[in-house]
C-alpha atoms as a PDB file:
ATOM      1  CA  UNK A   1      -6.013  -1.629 -42.088  1.00  0.00           C
ATOM      2  CA  UNK A   2      -6.041   1.994 -41.226  1.00  0.00           C
ATOM      3  CA  UNK A   3      -3.132   3.994 -42.154  1.00  0.00           C
ATOM      4  CA  UNK A   4      -0.470   4.202 -39.256  1.00  0.00           C
ATOM      5  CA  UNK A   5      -1.077   7.755 -38.304  1.00  0.00           C
ATOM      6  CA  UNK A   6      -4.680   6.939 -37.734  1.00  0.00           C
ATOM      7  CA  UNK A   7      -4.037   3.979 -35.562  1.00  0.00           C
ATOM      8  CA  UNK A   8      -1.565   5.886 -33.128  1.00  0.00           C
ATOM      9  CA  UNK A   9      -3.888   8.745 -32.757  1.00  0.00           C
ATOM     10  CA  UNK A  10      -5.866   7.524 -29.979  1.00  0.00           C
ATOM     11  CA  UNK A  11      -3.003   6.642 -28.081  1.00  0.00           C
ATOM     12  CA  UNK A  12      -1.174   9.982 -28.883  1.00  0.00           C
ATOM     13  CA  UNK A  13      -4.123  12.178 -27.669  1.00  0.00           C
ATOM     14  CA  UNK A  14      -4.093   9.848 -24.230  1.00  0.00           C
ATOM     15  CA  UNK A  15      -0.381  10.762 -23.846  1.00  0.00           C
ATOM     16  CA  UNK A  16      -0.910  14.248 -24.726  1.00  0.00           C
ATOM     17  CA  UNK A  17      -3.785  14.733 -22.267  1.00  0.00           C
ATOM     18  CA  UNK A  18      -1.467  13.226 -19.642  1.00  0.00           C
ATOM     19  CA  UNK A  19       1.318  15.755 -20.667  1.00  0.00           C
ATOM     20  CA  UNK A  20      -1.523  18.495 -20.410  1.00  0.00           C
ATOM     21  CA  UNK A  21      -2.636  17.318 -16.930  1.00  0.00           C
ATOM     22  CA  UNK A  22       0.747  17.243 -15.613  1.00  0.00           C
ATOM     23  CA  UNK A  23       1.674  20.686 -16.958  1.00  0.00           C
ATOM     24  CA  UNK A  24      -1.628  22.084 -15.513  1.00  0.00           C
ATOM     25  CA  UNK A  25      -0.889  20.447 -12.052  1.00  0.00           C
ATOM     26  CA  UNK A  26       2.236  21.618 -11.793  1.00  0.00           C
ATOM     27  CA  UNK A  27       1.077  25.221 -12.672  1.00  0.00           C
ATOM     28  CA  UNK A  28      -1.295  25.122  -9.863  1.00  0.00           C
ATOM     29  CA  UNK A  29       1.280  23.623  -7.457  1.00  0.00           C
ATOM     30  CA  UNK A  30       3.539  26.582  -8.010  1.00  0.00           C
ATOM     31  CA  UNK A  31       0.631  29.051  -7.910  1.00  0.00           C
ATOM     32  CA  UNK A  32      -0.431  27.600  -4.608  1.00  0.00           C
ATOM     33  CA  UNK A  33       3.082  27.802  -3.236  1.00  0.00           C
ATOM     34  CA  UNK A  34       3.584  31.130  -4.389  1.00  0.00           C
ATOM     35  CA  UNK A  35       0.059  32.248  -2.859  1.00  0.00           C
ATOM     36  CA  UNK A  36       1.475  31.457   0.599  1.00  0.00           C
ATOM     37  CA  UNK A  37       4.579  33.468   0.403  1.00  0.00           C
ATOM     38  CA  UNK A  38       5.059  37.079   1.115  1.00  0.00           C
ATOM     39  CA  UNK A  39       5.971  39.415  -1.705  1.00  0.00           C
ATOM     40  CA  UNK A  40       9.526  38.863  -2.803  1.00  0.00           C
ATOM     41  CA  UNK A  41      11.618  37.082  -5.081  1.00  0.00           C
ATOM     42  CA  UNK A  42      10.661  33.329  -4.250  1.00  0.00           C
ATOM     43  CA  UNK A  43       6.983  34.528  -4.705  1.00  0.00           C
ATOM     44  CA  UNK A  44       7.837  36.019  -7.985  1.00  0.00           C
ATOM     45  CA  UNK A  45       9.811  33.194  -9.227  1.00  0.00           C
ATOM     46  CA  UNK A  46       7.233  30.704  -8.342  1.00  0.00           C
ATOM     47  CA  UNK A  47       4.444  32.832 -10.223  1.00  0.00           C
ATOM     48  CA  UNK A  48       6.738  33.060 -13.186  1.00  0.00           C
ATOM     49  CA  UNK A  49       7.162  29.041 -13.066  1.00  0.00           C
ATOM     50  CA  UNK A  50       3.444  28.537 -12.907  1.00  0.00           C
ATOM     51  CA  UNK A  51       3.117  30.776 -16.010  1.00  0.00           C
ATOM     52  CA  UNK A  52       5.662  28.737 -18.028  1.00  0.00           C
ATOM     53  CA  UNK A  53       3.667  25.447 -17.063  1.00  0.00           C
ATOM     54  CA  UNK A  54       0.341  26.985 -18.437  1.00  0.00           C
ATOM     55  CA  UNK A  55       2.282  27.867 -21.413  1.00  0.00           C
ATOM     56  CA  UNK A  56       3.502  24.278 -21.830  1.00  0.00           C
ATOM     57  CA  UNK A  57       0.090  23.060 -21.134  1.00  0.00           C
ATOM     58  CA  UNK A  58      -1.052  25.447 -23.984  1.00  0.00           C
ATOM     59  CA  UNK A  59       0.932  23.635 -26.453  1.00  0.00           C
ATOM     60  CA  UNK A  60      -0.153  20.330 -25.810  1.00  0.00           C
ATOM     61  CA  UNK A  61      -3.935  21.693 -25.819  1.00  0.00           C
ATOM     62  CA  UNK A  62      -3.238  22.893 -29.177  1.00  0.00           C
ATOM     63  CA  UNK A  63      -1.745  19.508 -30.505  1.00  0.00           C
ATOM     64  CA  UNK A  64      -4.703  17.725 -28.578  1.00  0.00           C
ATOM     65  CA  UNK A  65      -7.128  19.789 -30.680  1.00  0.00           C
ATOM     66  CA  UNK A  66      -5.279  19.536 -34.027  1.00  0.00           C
ATOM     67  CA  UNK A  67      -5.724  15.672 -33.599  1.00  0.00           C
ATOM     68  CA  UNK A  68      -9.412  16.170 -32.901  1.00  0.00           C
ATOM     69  CA  UNK A  69      -9.461  15.750 -29.353  1.00  0.00           C
ATOM     70  CA  UNK A  70     -10.262  17.614 -26.273  1.00  0.00           C
ATOM     71  CA  UNK A  71      -8.442  18.445 -23.013  1.00  0.00           C
ATOM     72  CA  UNK A  72      -9.812  16.604 -19.801  1.00  0.00           C
ATOM     73  CA  UNK A  73     -11.357  17.937 -17.011  1.00  0.00           C
ATOM     74  CA  UNK A  74      -8.642  18.890 -14.675  1.00  0.00           C
ATOM     75  CA  UNK A  75      -8.862  17.638 -11.078  1.00  0.00           C
ATOM     76  CA  UNK A  76      -6.108  18.663  -8.675  1.00  0.00           C
ATOM     77  CA  UNK A  77      -4.109  15.548  -6.934  1.00  0.00           C
ATOM     78  CA  UNK A  78      -2.770  15.080  -3.537  1.00  0.00           C
ATOM     79  CA  UNK A  79       0.485  16.881  -4.599  1.00  0.00           C
ATOM     80  CA  UNK A  80      -1.163  19.993  -5.336  1.00  0.00           C
ATOM     81  CA  UNK A  81      -3.038  19.944  -2.173  1.00  0.00           C
ATOM     82  CA  UNK A  82      -0.422  18.495   0.334  1.00  0.00           C
ATOM     83  CA  UNK A  83       2.765  20.240  -0.583  1.00  0.00           C
ATOM     84  CA  UNK A  84       1.634  23.786  -0.197  1.00  0.00           C
ATOM     85  CA  UNK A  85       0.397  22.886   3.438  1.00  0.00           C
ATOM     86  CA  UNK A  86       3.837  21.140   3.914  1.00  0.00           C
ATOM     87  CA  UNK A  87       5.445  24.305   2.964  1.00  0.00           C
ATOM     88  CA  UNK A  88       3.587  26.310   5.413  1.00  0.00           C
ATOM     89  CA  UNK A  89       4.650  23.977   8.272  1.00  0.00           C
ATOM     90  CA  UNK A  90       8.260  22.746   7.046  1.00  0.00           C
ATOM     91  CA  UNK A  91       9.057  25.877   4.977  1.00  0.00           C
ATOM     92  CA  UNK A  92       9.299  26.222   1.345  1.00  0.00           C
ATOM     93  CA  UNK A  93      12.904  24.835   1.076  1.00  0.00           C
ATOM     94  CA  UNK A  94      11.815  21.440   2.511  1.00  0.00           C
ATOM     95  CA  UNK A  95       9.281  21.214  -0.362  1.00  0.00           C
ATOM     96  CA  UNK A  96      11.280  22.384  -3.149  1.00  0.00           C
ATOM     97  CA  UNK A  97      13.652  19.569  -2.122  1.00  0.00           C
ATOM     98  CA  UNK A  98      11.061  17.107  -2.380  1.00  0.00           C
ATOM     99  CA  UNK A  99       9.966  18.388  -5.709  1.00  0.00           C
ATOM    100  CA  UNK A 100      13.303  18.249  -7.126  1.00  0.00           C
ATOM    101  CA  UNK A 101      14.139  14.772  -5.815  1.00  0.00           C
ATOM    102  CA  UNK A 102      10.920  13.284  -7.351  1.00  0.00           C
ATOM    103  CA  UNK A 103       9.291  12.723  -4.012  1.00  0.00           C
ATOM    104  CA  UNK A 104       6.662  15.341  -4.523  1.00  0.00           C
ATOM    105  CA  UNK A 105       5.270  13.496  -7.803  1.00  0.00           C
ATOM    106  CA  UNK A 106       2.930  10.931  -8.328  1.00  0.00           C
ATOM    107  CA  UNK A 107      -0.564  10.922  -9.798  1.00  0.00           C
ATOM    108  CA  UNK A 108      -4.012  10.410  -7.963  1.00  0.00           C
END
């Protein structure tokens, strides 16, 4: 029987890879939302949030690599594609409400 840590490592890497993907997708969503805005406070805040998500993802990447894994190929989901389009037509406040309520979540 393998030591407990070795048995958990593959499952842990799977979860950490999920965490990394979620952070990177959120970073991309915030980046795309910011890109559609004119210069100003909302754009600055969204850009800052994107950077914070990338830093969070870097934390997970380091942990994955410490365990002998690698980060997956990143594919954007529908959320990262559709919500910025919705923001263009319905306005950023509507999309922020969706994100905060969990309505803008989900995996593809």
